[in-house]
Amino acid sequence: MLALGTVFFLFSAQSALAAGELAPRQAKVLIVGWDGVRADCLEPAHTPVFDELSRFGTLTLDAWTGPRTVSGPSWTSILTGVWPGKHGVLDNSFQ
């Protein structure tokens, strides 16, 4: 039964390739954030993997924060592009 399933899978994959039905590759975005770490602490720290990621991507050391640096409102602002007064997330609670 396993052999029959394998043959069916391979035939289906070959048919899809022949018909050109596979979707083209799409660009992806990876956002890496280090919650609670100030930007001025990144430069002197020994972080080879983070340094490698930032070398091939984008890194900002000039991000603006609100008056209170609380994770919930801060991450929501990063992902939505608006301040807490607009998105309504004011603290870390889930109420």
PDB file of N, CA and C in Angstrom:
ATOM      1  N   MET A   1       0.822  -1.193   0.000  1.00  0.00           N
ATOM      2  CA  MET A   1       0.000   0.000   0.000  1.00  0.00           C
ATOM      3  C   MET A   1       0.868   1.260   0.000  1.00  0.00           C
ATOM      4  N   LEU A   2       1.987   1.215   0.766  1.00  0.00           N
ATOM      5  CA  LEU A   2       2.895   2.357   0.812  1.00  0.00           C
ATOM      6  C   LEU A   2       3.492   2.624  -0.565  1.00  0.00           C
ATOM      7  N   ALA A   3       3.835   1.560  -1.278  1.00  0.00           N
ATOM      8  CA  ALA A   3       4.410   1.721  -2.614  1.00  0.00           C
ATOM      9  C   ALA A   3       3.410   2.370  -3.559  1.00  0.00           C
ATOM     10  N   LEU A   4       2.147   1.984  -3.462  1.00  0.00           N
ATOM     11  CA  LEU A   4       1.109   2.573  -4.305  1.00  0.00           C
ATOM     12  C   LEU A   4       0.955   4.059  -3.997  1.00  0.00           C
ATOM     13  N   GLY A   5       0.986   4.414  -2.710  1.00  0.00           N
ATOM     14  CA  GLY A   5       0.893   5.823  -2.314  1.00  0.00           C
ATOM     15  C   GLY A   5       2.076   6.630  -2.813  1.00  0.00           C
ATOM     16  N   THR A   6       3.262   6.047  -2.754  1.00  0.00           N
ATOM     17  CA  THR A   6       4.466   6.727  -3.231  1.00  0.00           C
ATOM     18  C   THR A   6       4.393   6.957  -4.732  1.00  0.00           C
ATOM     19  N   VAL A   7       3.962   5.948  -5.473  1.00  0.00           N
ATOM     20  CA  VAL A   7       3.828   6.084  -6.926  1.00  0.00           C
ATOM     21  C   VAL A   7       2.802   7.164  -7.254  1.00  0.00           C
ATOM     22  N   PHE A   8       1.678   7.186  -6.557  1.00  0.00           N
ATOM     23  CA  PHE A   8       0.649   8.200  -6.799  1.00  0.00           C
ATOM     24  C   PHE A   8       1.200   9.595  -6.523  1.00  0.00           C
ATOM     25  N   PHE A   9       1.934   9.744  -5.398  1.00  0.00           N
ATOM     26  CA  PHE A   9       2.514  11.045  -5.050  1.00  0.00           C
ATOM     27  C   PHE A   9       3.491  11.504  -6.123  1.00  0.00           C
ATOM     28  N   LEU A  10       4.390  10.623  -6.541  1.00  0.00           N
ATOM     29  CA  LEU A  10       5.379  10.992  -7.544  1.00  0.00           C
ATOM     30  C   LEU A  10       4.719  11.332  -8.872  1.00  0.00           C
ATOM     31  N   PHE A  11       3.701  10.586  -9.259  1.00  0.00           N
ATOM     32  CA  PHE A  11       2.988  10.872 -10.499  1.00  0.00           C
ATOM     33  C   PHE A  11       2.297  12.229 -10.412  1.00  0.00           C
ATOM     34  N   SER A  12       1.675  12.510  -9.268  1.00  0.00           N
ATOM     35  CA  SER A  12       0.991  13.799  -9.080  1.00  0.00           C
ATOM     36  C   SER A  12       1.979  14.953  -9.133  1.00  0.00           C
ATOM     37  N   ALA A  13       3.125  14.790  -8.474  1.00  0.00           N
ATOM     38  CA  ALA A  13       4.133  15.850  -8.466  1.00  0.00           C
ATOM     39  C   ALA A  13       4.681  16.081  -9.869  1.00  0.00           C
ATOM     40  N   GLN A  14       4.936  14.995 -10.603  1.00  0.00           N
ATOM     41  CA  GLN A  14       5.458  15.109 -11.961  1.00  0.00           C
ATOM     42  C   GLN A  14       4.423  15.765 -12.860  1.00  0.00           C
ATOM     43  N   SER A  15       3.158  15.417 -12.695  1.00  0.00           N
ATOM     44  CA  SER A  15       2.095  16.007 -13.509  1.00  0.00           C
ATOM     45  C   SER A  15       1.972  17.499 -13.240  1.00  0.00           C
ATOM     46  N   ALA A  16       2.068  17.885 -11.970  1.00  0.00           N
ATOM     47  CA  ALA A  16       1.970  19.300 -11.619  1.00  0.00           C
ATOM     48  C   ALA A  16       3.149  20.080 -12.198  1.00  0.00           C
ATOM     49  N   LEU A  17       4.335  19.500 -12.144  1.00  0.00           N
ATOM     50  CA  LEU A  17       5.504  20.163 -12.715  1.00  0.00           C
ATOM     51  C   LEU A  17       5.359  20.317 -14.222  1.00  0.00           C
ATOM     52  N   ALA A  18       4.884  19.278 -14.868  1.00  0.00           N
ATOM     53  CA  ALA A  18       4.728  19.316 -16.320  1.00  0.00           C
ATOM     54  C   ALA A  18       3.692  20.353 -16.729  1.00  0.00           C
ATOM     55  N   ALA A  19       2.653  20.506 -15.933  1.00  0.00           N
ATOM     56  CA  ALA A  19       1.592  21.446 -16.263  1.00  0.00           C
ATOM     57  C   ALA A  19       1.937  22.866 -15.825  1.00  0.00           C
ATOM     58  N   GLY A  20       3.034  23.049 -15.081  1.00  0.00           N
ATOM     59  CA  GLY A  20       3.409  24.381 -14.617  1.00  0.00           C
ATOM     60  C   GLY A  20       2.466  24.919 -13.563  1.00  0.00           C
ATOM     61  N   GLU A  21       1.892  24.042 -12.758  1.00  0.00           N
ATOM     62  CA  GLU A  21       0.885  24.460 -11.788  1.00  0.00           C
ATOM     63  C   GLU A  21       1.473  24.916 -10.458  1.00  0.00           C
ATOM     64  N   LEU A  22       2.772  24.789 -10.272  1.00  0.00           N
ATOM     65  CA  LEU A  22       3.361  25.202  -9.009  1.00  0.00           C
ATOM     66  C   LEU A  22       3.424  26.722  -8.945  1.00  0.00           C
ATOM     67  N   ALA A  23       3.082  27.256  -7.803  1.00  0.00           N
ATOM     68  CA  ALA A  23       3.100  28.709  -7.628  1.00  0.00           C
ATOM     69  C   ALA A  23       4.542  29.215  -7.631  1.00  0.00           C
ATOM     70  N   PRO A  24       4.754  30.407  -8.156  1.00  0.00           N
ATOM     71  CA  PRO A  24       6.105  30.967  -8.128  1.00  0.00           C
ATOM     72  C   PRO A  24       6.526  31.260  -6.684  1.00  0.00           C
ATOM     73  N   ARG A  25       7.823  31.242  -6.441  1.00  0.00           N
ATOM     74  CA  ARG A  25       8.328  31.523  -5.096  1.00  0.00           C
ATOM     75  C   ARG A  25       8.017  32.966  -4.731  1.00  0.00           C
ATOM     76  N   GLN A  26       7.600  33.159  -3.506  1.00  0.00           N
ATOM     77  CA  GLN A  26       7.286  34.499  -3.030  1.00  0.00           C
ATOM     78  C   GLN A  26       8.314  34.919  -1.993  1.00  0.00           C
ATOM     79  N   ALA A  27       8.600  36.202  -1.976  1.00  0.00           N
ATOM     80  CA  ALA A  27       9.517  36.737  -0.972  1.00  0.00           C
ATOM     81  C   ALA A  27       8.866  36.641   0.407  1.00  0.00           C
ATOM     82  N   LYS A  28       9.671  36.402   1.403  1.00  0.00           N
ATOM     83  CA  LYS A  28       9.170  36.280   2.768  1.00  0.00           C
ATOM     84  C   LYS A  28       9.876  37.303   3.647  1.00  0.00           C
ATOM     85  N   VAL A  29       9.236  37.656   4.744  1.00  0.00           N
ATOM     86  CA  VAL A  29       9.789  38.626   5.682  1.00  0.00           C
ATOM     87  C   VAL A  29       9.947  37.956   7.035  1.00  0.00           C
ATOM     88  N   LEU A  30      11.078  38.156   7.657  1.00  0.00           N
ATOM     89  CA  LEU A  30      11.336  37.657   9.004  1.00  0.00           C
ATOM     90  C   LEU A  30      11.629  38.858   9.890  1.00  0.00           C
ATOM     91  N   ILE A  31      10.803  39.055  10.903  1.00  0.00           N
ATOM     92  CA  ILE A  31      11.016  40.140  11.858  1.00  0.00           C
ATOM     93  C   ILE A  31      11.597  39.526  13.122  1.00  0.00           C
ATOM     94  N   VAL A  32      12.790  39.974  13.485  1.00  0.00           N
ATOM     95  CA  VAL A  32      13.446  39.489  14.697  1.00  0.00           C
ATOM     96  C   VAL A  32      13.469  40.639  15.682  1.00  0.00           C
ATOM     97  N   GLY A  33      12.894  40.422  16.829  1.00  0.00           N
ATOM     98  CA  GLY A  33      12.890  41.448  17.864  1.00  0.00           C
ATOM     99  C   GLY A  33      13.391  40.869  19.162  1.00  0.00           C
ATOM    100  N   TRP A  34      14.129  41.662  19.883  1.00  0.00           N
ATOM    101  CA  TRP A  34      14.692  41.240  21.160  1.00  0.00           C
ATOM    102  C   TRP A  34      14.018  42.062  22.233  1.00  0.00           C
ATOM    103  N   ASP A  35      12.998  41.518  22.818  1.00  0.00           N
ATOM    104  CA  ASP A  35      12.183  42.246  23.786  1.00  0.00           C
ATOM    105  C   ASP A  35      13.003  42.627  25.014  1.00  0.00           C
ATOM    106  N   GLY A  36      13.012  43.908  25.341  1.00  0.00           N
ATOM    107  CA  GLY A  36      13.698  44.383  26.535  1.00  0.00           C
ATOM    108  C   GLY A  36      15.157  44.726  26.352  1.00  0.00           C
ATOM    109  N   VAL A  37      15.671  44.682  25.122  1.00  0.00           N
ATOM    110  CA  VAL A  37      17.080  45.001  24.882  1.00  0.00           C
ATOM    111  C   VAL A  37      17.168  46.374  24.222  1.00  0.00           C
ATOM    112  N   ARG A  38      17.929  47.260  24.832  1.00  0.00           N
ATOM    113  CA  ARG A  38      18.126  48.591  24.254  1.00  0.00           C
ATOM    114  C   ARG A  38      19.075  48.501  23.062  1.00  0.00           C
ATOM    115  N   ALA A  39      18.875  49.381  22.090  1.00  0.00           N
ATOM    116  CA  ALA A  39      19.697  49.378  20.881  1.00  0.00           C
ATOM    117  C   ALA A  39      21.169  49.617  21.187  1.00  0.00           C
ATOM    118  N   ASP A  40      21.468  50.458  22.174  1.00  0.00           N
ATOM    119  CA  ASP A  40      22.872  50.751  22.471  1.00  0.00           C
ATOM    120  C   ASP A  40      23.597  49.560  23.099  1.00  0.00           C
ATOM    121  N   CYS A  41      22.863  48.538  23.515  1.00  0.00           N
ATOM    122  CA  CYS A  41      23.483  47.328  24.073  1.00  0.00           C
ATOM    123  C   CYS A  41      23.829  46.305  22.989  1.00  0.00           C
ATOM    124  N   LEU A  42      23.288  46.473  21.791  1.00  0.00           N
ATOM    125  CA  LEU A  42      23.537  45.502  20.723  1.00  0.00           C
ATOM    126  C   LEU A  42      24.937  45.608  20.132  1.00  0.00           C
ATOM    127  N   GLU A  43      25.415  46.816  19.929  1.00  0.00           N
ATOM    128  CA  GLU A  43      26.701  46.990  19.252  1.00  0.00           C
ATOM    129  C   GLU A  43      27.877  46.375  20.008  1.00  0.00           C
ATOM    130  N   PRO A  44      28.039  46.609  21.320  1.00  0.00           N
ATOM    131  CA  PRO A  44      29.200  46.028  22.006  1.00  0.00           C
ATOM    132  C   PRO A  44      29.040  44.542  22.349  1.00  0.00           C
ATOM    133  N   ALA A  45      27.835  44.013  22.261  1.00  0.00           N
ATOM    134  CA  ALA A  45      27.599  42.613  22.638  1.00  0.00           C
ATOM    135  C   ALA A  45      28.130  41.663  21.567  1.00  0.00           C
ATOM    136  N   HIS A  46      28.550  40.477  21.985  1.00  0.00           N
ATOM    137  CA  HIS A  46      29.015  39.442  21.053  1.00  0.00           C
ATOM    138  C   HIS A  46      27.796  38.641  20.592  1.00  0.00           C
ATOM    139  N   THR A  47      27.273  38.977  19.408  1.00  0.00           N
ATOM    140  CA  THR A  47      26.068  38.332  18.875  1.00  0.00           C
ATOM    141  C   THR A  47      26.308  37.962  17.406  1.00  0.00           C
ATOM    142  N   PRO A  48      27.093  36.938  17.121  1.00  0.00           N
ATOM    143  CA  PRO A  48      27.458  36.633  15.733  1.00  0.00           C
ATOM    144  C   PRO A  48      26.274  36.288  14.832  1.00  0.00           C
ATOM    145  N   VAL A  49      25.302  35.558  15.325  1.00  0.00           N
ATOM    146  CA  VAL A  49      24.154  35.193  14.483  1.00  0.00           C
ATOM    147  C   VAL A  49      23.297  36.424  14.203  1.00  0.00           C
ATOM    148  N   PHE A  50      23.045  37.215  15.220  1.00  0.00           N
ATOM    149  CA  PHE A  50      22.267  38.444  15.034  1.00  0.00           C
ATOM    150  C   PHE A  50      23.007  39.398  14.090  1.00  0.00           C
ATOM    151  N   ASP A  51      24.323  39.501  14.239  1.00  0.00           N
ATOM    152  CA  ASP A  51      25.120  40.350  13.348  1.00  0.00           C
ATOM    153  C   ASP A  51      25.015  39.876  11.900  1.00  0.00           C
ATOM    154  N   GLU A  52      25.054  38.571  11.692  1.00  0.00           N
ATOM    155  CA  GLU A  52      24.940  38.009  10.338  1.00  0.00           C
ATOM    156  C   GLU A  52      23.563  38.296   9.740  1.00  0.00           C
ATOM    157  N   LEU A  53      22.512  38.134  10.529  1.00  0.00           N
ATOM    158  CA  LEU A  53      21.162  38.444  10.047  1.00  0.00           C
ATOM    159  C   LEU A  53      21.042  39.915   9.669  1.00  0.00           C
ATOM    160  N   SER A  54      21.570  40.793  10.494  1.00  0.00           N
ATOM    161  CA  SER A  54      21.445  42.225  10.222  1.00  0.00           C
ATOM    162  C   SER A  54      22.291  42.654   9.026  1.00  0.00           C
ATOM    163  N   ARG A  55      23.380  41.946   8.762  1.00  0.00           N
ATOM    164  CA  ARG A  55      24.231  42.273   7.616  1.00  0.00           C
ATOM    165  C   ARG A  55      23.493  42.047   6.292  1.00  0.00           C
ATOM    166  N   PHE A  56      22.610  41.063   6.251  1.00  0.00           N
ATOM    167  CA  PHE A  56      21.881  40.746   5.021  1.00  0.00           C
ATOM    168  C   PHE A  56      20.457  41.281   5.023  1.00  0.00           C
ATOM    169  N   GLY A  57      20.095  42.032   6.037  1.00  0.00           N
ATOM    170  CA  GLY A  57      18.741  42.569   6.123  1.00  0.00           C
ATOM    171  C   GLY A  57      18.765  44.035   6.484  1.00  0.00           C
ATOM    172  N   THR A  58      17.889  44.404   7.381  1.00  0.00           N
ATOM    173  CA  THR A  58      17.783  45.783   7.830  1.00  0.00           C
ATOM    174  C   THR A  58      17.845  45.809   9.340  1.00  0.00           C
ATOM    175  N   LEU A  59      18.570  46.759   9.874  1.00  0.00           N
ATOM    176  CA  LEU A  59      18.702  46.920  11.320  1.00  0.00           C
ATOM    177  C   LEU A  59      18.542  48.393  11.631  1.00  0.00           C
ATOM    178  N   THR A  60      17.763  48.700  12.637  1.00  0.00           N
ATOM    179  CA  THR A  60      17.656  50.090  13.063  1.00  0.00           C
ATOM    180  C   THR A  60      18.075  50.208  14.517  1.00  0.00           C
ATOM    181  N   LEU A  61      18.863  51.208  14.793  1.00  0.00           N
ATOM    182  CA  LEU A  61      19.259  51.515  16.163  1.00  0.00           C
ATOM    183  C   LEU A  61      18.612  52.819  16.618  1.00  0.00           C
ATOM    184  N   ASP A  62      17.714  53.363  15.785  1.00  0.00           N
ATOM    185  CA  ASP A  62      17.072  54.642  16.076  1.00  0.00           C
ATOM    186  C   ASP A  62      15.559  54.521  16.203  1.00  0.00           C
ATOM    187  N   ALA A  63      15.070  53.427  16.721  1.00  0.00           N
ATOM    188  CA  ALA A  63      13.622  53.237  16.856  1.00  0.00           C
ATOM    189  C   ALA A  63      13.078  54.142  17.961  1.00  0.00           C
ATOM    190  N   TRP A  64      11.889  54.639  17.758  1.00  0.00           N
ATOM    191  CA  TRP A  64      11.225  55.472  18.760  1.00  0.00           C
ATOM    192  C   TRP A  64      10.313  54.595  19.590  1.00  0.00           C
ATOM    193  N   THR A  65      10.272  54.859  20.868  1.00  0.00           N
ATOM    194  CA  THR A  65       9.354  54.136  21.743  1.00  0.00           C
ATOM    195  C   THR A  65       8.387  55.116  22.369  1.00  0.00           C
ATOM    196  N   GLY A  66       7.302  54.575  22.872  1.00  0.00           N
ATOM    197  CA  GLY A  66       6.340  55.406  23.579  1.00  0.00           C
ATOM    198  C   GLY A  66       6.873  55.759  24.958  1.00  0.00           C
ATOM    199  N   PRO A  67       6.073  56.484  25.733  1.00  0.00           N
ATOM    200  CA  PRO A  67       6.536  56.880  27.064  1.00  0.00           C
ATOM    201  C   PRO A  67       6.792  55.686  27.985  1.00  0.00           C
ATOM    202  N   ARG A  68       6.034  54.616  27.806  1.00  0.00           N
ATOM    203  CA  ARG A  68       6.243  53.392  28.597  1.00  0.00           C
ATOM    204  C   ARG A  68       6.617  52.282  27.632  1.00  0.00           C
ATOM    205  N   THR A  69       7.661  51.578  27.920  1.00  0.00           N
ATOM    206  CA  THR A  69       8.051  50.474  27.041  1.00  0.00           C
ATOM    207  C   THR A  69       7.498  49.165  27.589  1.00  0.00           C
ATOM    208  N   VAL A  70       6.266  48.880  27.230  1.00  0.00           N
ATOM    209  CA  VAL A  70       5.573  47.658  27.629  1.00  0.00           C
ATOM    210  C   VAL A  70       5.431  46.796  26.376  1.00  0.00           C
ATOM    211  N   SER A  71       5.666  45.506  26.501  1.00  0.00           N
ATOM    212  CA  SER A  71       5.719  44.615  25.337  1.00  0.00           C
ATOM    213  C   SER A  71       4.462  44.634  24.484  1.00  0.00           C
ATOM    214  N   GLY A  72       3.296  44.463  25.082  1.00  0.00           N
ATOM    215  CA  GLY A  72       2.053  44.386  24.309  1.00  0.00           C
ATOM    216  C   GLY A  72       1.836  45.584  23.403  1.00  0.00           C
ATOM    217  N   PRO A  73       1.812  46.798  23.953  1.00  0.00           N
ATOM    218  CA  PRO A  73       1.627  47.970  23.098  1.00  0.00           C
ATOM    219  C   PRO A  73       2.776  48.173  22.108  1.00  0.00           C
ATOM    220  N   SER A  74       3.997  47.880  22.540  1.00  0.00           N
ATOM    221  CA  SER A  74       5.150  48.100  21.656  1.00  0.00           C
ATOM    222  C   SER A  74       5.118  47.185  20.440  1.00  0.00           C
ATOM    223  N   TRP A  75       4.895  45.876  20.642  1.00  0.00           N
ATOM    224  CA  TRP A  75       4.845  44.944  19.513  1.00  0.00           C
ATOM    225  C   TRP A  75       3.643  45.211  18.619  1.00  0.00           C
ATOM    226  N   THR A  76       2.532  45.613  19.214  1.00  0.00           N
ATOM    227  CA  THR A  76       1.360  45.942  18.396  1.00  0.00           C
ATOM    228  C   THR A  76       1.648  47.157  17.532  1.00  0.00           C
ATOM    229  N   SER A  77       2.349  48.147  18.066  1.00  0.00           N
ATOM    230  CA  SER A  77       2.726  49.321  17.274  1.00  0.00           C
ATOM    231  C   SER A  77       3.683  48.950  16.149  1.00  0.00           C
ATOM    232  N   ILE A  78       4.632  48.061  16.430  1.00  0.00           N
ATOM    233  CA  ILE A  78       5.569  47.625  15.388  1.00  0.00           C
ATOM    234  C   ILE A  78       4.815  46.952  14.242  1.00  0.00           C
ATOM    235  N   LEU A  79       3.873  46.084  14.581  1.00  0.00           N
ATOM    236  CA  LEU A  79       3.175  45.306  13.552  1.00  0.00           C
ATOM    237  C   LEU A  79       2.069  46.073  12.839  1.00  0.00           C
ATOM    238  N   THR A  80       1.514  47.110  13.484  1.00  0.00           N
ATOM    239  CA  THR A  80       0.430  47.866  12.848  1.00  0.00           C
ATOM    240  C   THR A  80       0.877  49.216  12.316  1.00  0.00           C
ATOM    241  N   GLY A  81       1.958  49.760  12.879  1.00  0.00           N
ATOM    242  CA  GLY A  81       2.439  51.064  12.433  1.00  0.00           C
ATOM    243  C   GLY A  81       1.714  52.236  13.062  1.00  0.00           C
ATOM    244  N   VAL A  82       0.939  51.995  14.096  1.00  0.00           N
ATOM    245  CA  VAL A  82       0.231  53.093  14.768  1.00  0.00           C
ATOM    246  C   VAL A  82       0.525  53.070  16.269  1.00  0.00           C
ATOM    247  N   TRP A  83       0.314  54.209  16.919  1.00  0.00           N
ATOM    248  CA  TRP A  83       0.560  54.345  18.356  1.00  0.00           C
ATOM    249  C   TRP A  83      -0.552  53.678  19.162  1.00  0.00           C
ATOM    250  N   PRO A  84      -0.307  53.382  20.445  1.00  0.00           N
ATOM    251  CA  PRO A  84      -1.304  52.717  21.294  1.00  0.00           C
ATOM    252  C   PRO A  84      -2.656  53.430  21.351  1.00  0.00           C
ATOM    253  N   GLY A  85      -2.663  54.742  21.285  1.00  0.00           N
ATOM    254  CA  GLY A  85      -3.936  55.464  21.292  1.00  0.00           C
ATOM    255  C   GLY A  85      -4.831  55.088  20.124  1.00  0.00           C
ATOM    256  N   LYS A  86      -4.238  54.671  19.033  1.00  0.00           N
ATOM    257  CA  LYS A  86      -4.998  54.270  17.840  1.00  0.00           C
ATOM    258  C   LYS A  86      -5.356  52.786  17.869  1.00  0.00           C
ATOM    259  N   HIS A  87      -4.404  51.897  18.204  1.00  0.00           N
ATOM    260  CA  HIS A  87      -4.704  50.462  18.176  1.00  0.00           C
ATOM    261  C   HIS A  87      -5.354  49.965  19.458  1.00  0.00           C
ATOM    262  N   GLY A  88      -5.284  50.705  20.539  1.00  0.00           N
ATOM    263  CA  GLY A  88      -6.021  50.360  21.753  1.00  0.00           C
ATOM    264  C   GLY A  88      -5.354  49.369  22.693  1.00  0.00           C
ATOM    265  N   VAL A  89      -4.172  48.852  22.357  1.00  0.00           N
ATOM    266  CA  VAL A  89      -3.472  47.937  23.265  1.00  0.00           C
ATOM    267  C   VAL A  89      -2.622  48.803  24.189  1.00  0.00           C
ATOM    268  N   LEU A  90      -3.009  48.865  25.469  1.00  0.00           N
ATOM    269  CA  LEU A  90      -2.360  49.780  26.398  1.00  0.00           C
ATOM    270  C   LEU A  90      -1.486  49.092  27.438  1.00  0.00           C
ATOM    271  N   ASP A  91      -1.607  47.765  27.562  1.00  0.00           N
ATOM    272  CA  ASP A  91      -0.782  47.033  28.524  1.00  0.00           C
ATOM    273  C   ASP A  91      -0.637  45.590  28.054  1.00  0.00           C
ATOM    274  N   ASN A  92      -0.152  44.721  28.928  1.00  0.00           N
ATOM    275  CA  ASN A  92       0.077  43.322  28.549  1.00  0.00           C
ATOM    276  C   ASN A  92      -1.084  42.399  28.884  1.00  0.00           C
ATOM    277  N   SER A  93      -2.214  42.923  29.296  1.00  0.00           N
ATOM    278  CA  SER A  93      -3.341  42.060  29.673  1.00  0.00           C
ATOM    279  C   SER A  93      -4.115  41.614  28.434  1.00  0.00           C
ATOM    280  N   PHE A  94      -4.859  40.529  28.591  1.00  0.00           N
ATOM    281  CA  PHE A  94      -5.678  39.983  27.503  1.00  0.00           C
ATOM    282  C   PHE A  94      -7.153  40.112  27.837  1.00  0.00           C
ATOM    283  N   GLN A  95      -7.570  41.242  28.310  1.00  0.00           N
ATOM    284  CA  GLN A  95      -8.971  41.431  28.719  1.00  0.00           C
ATOM    285  C   GLN A  95      -9.776  42.064  27.619  1.00  0.00           C
TER     286      GLN A  95
END
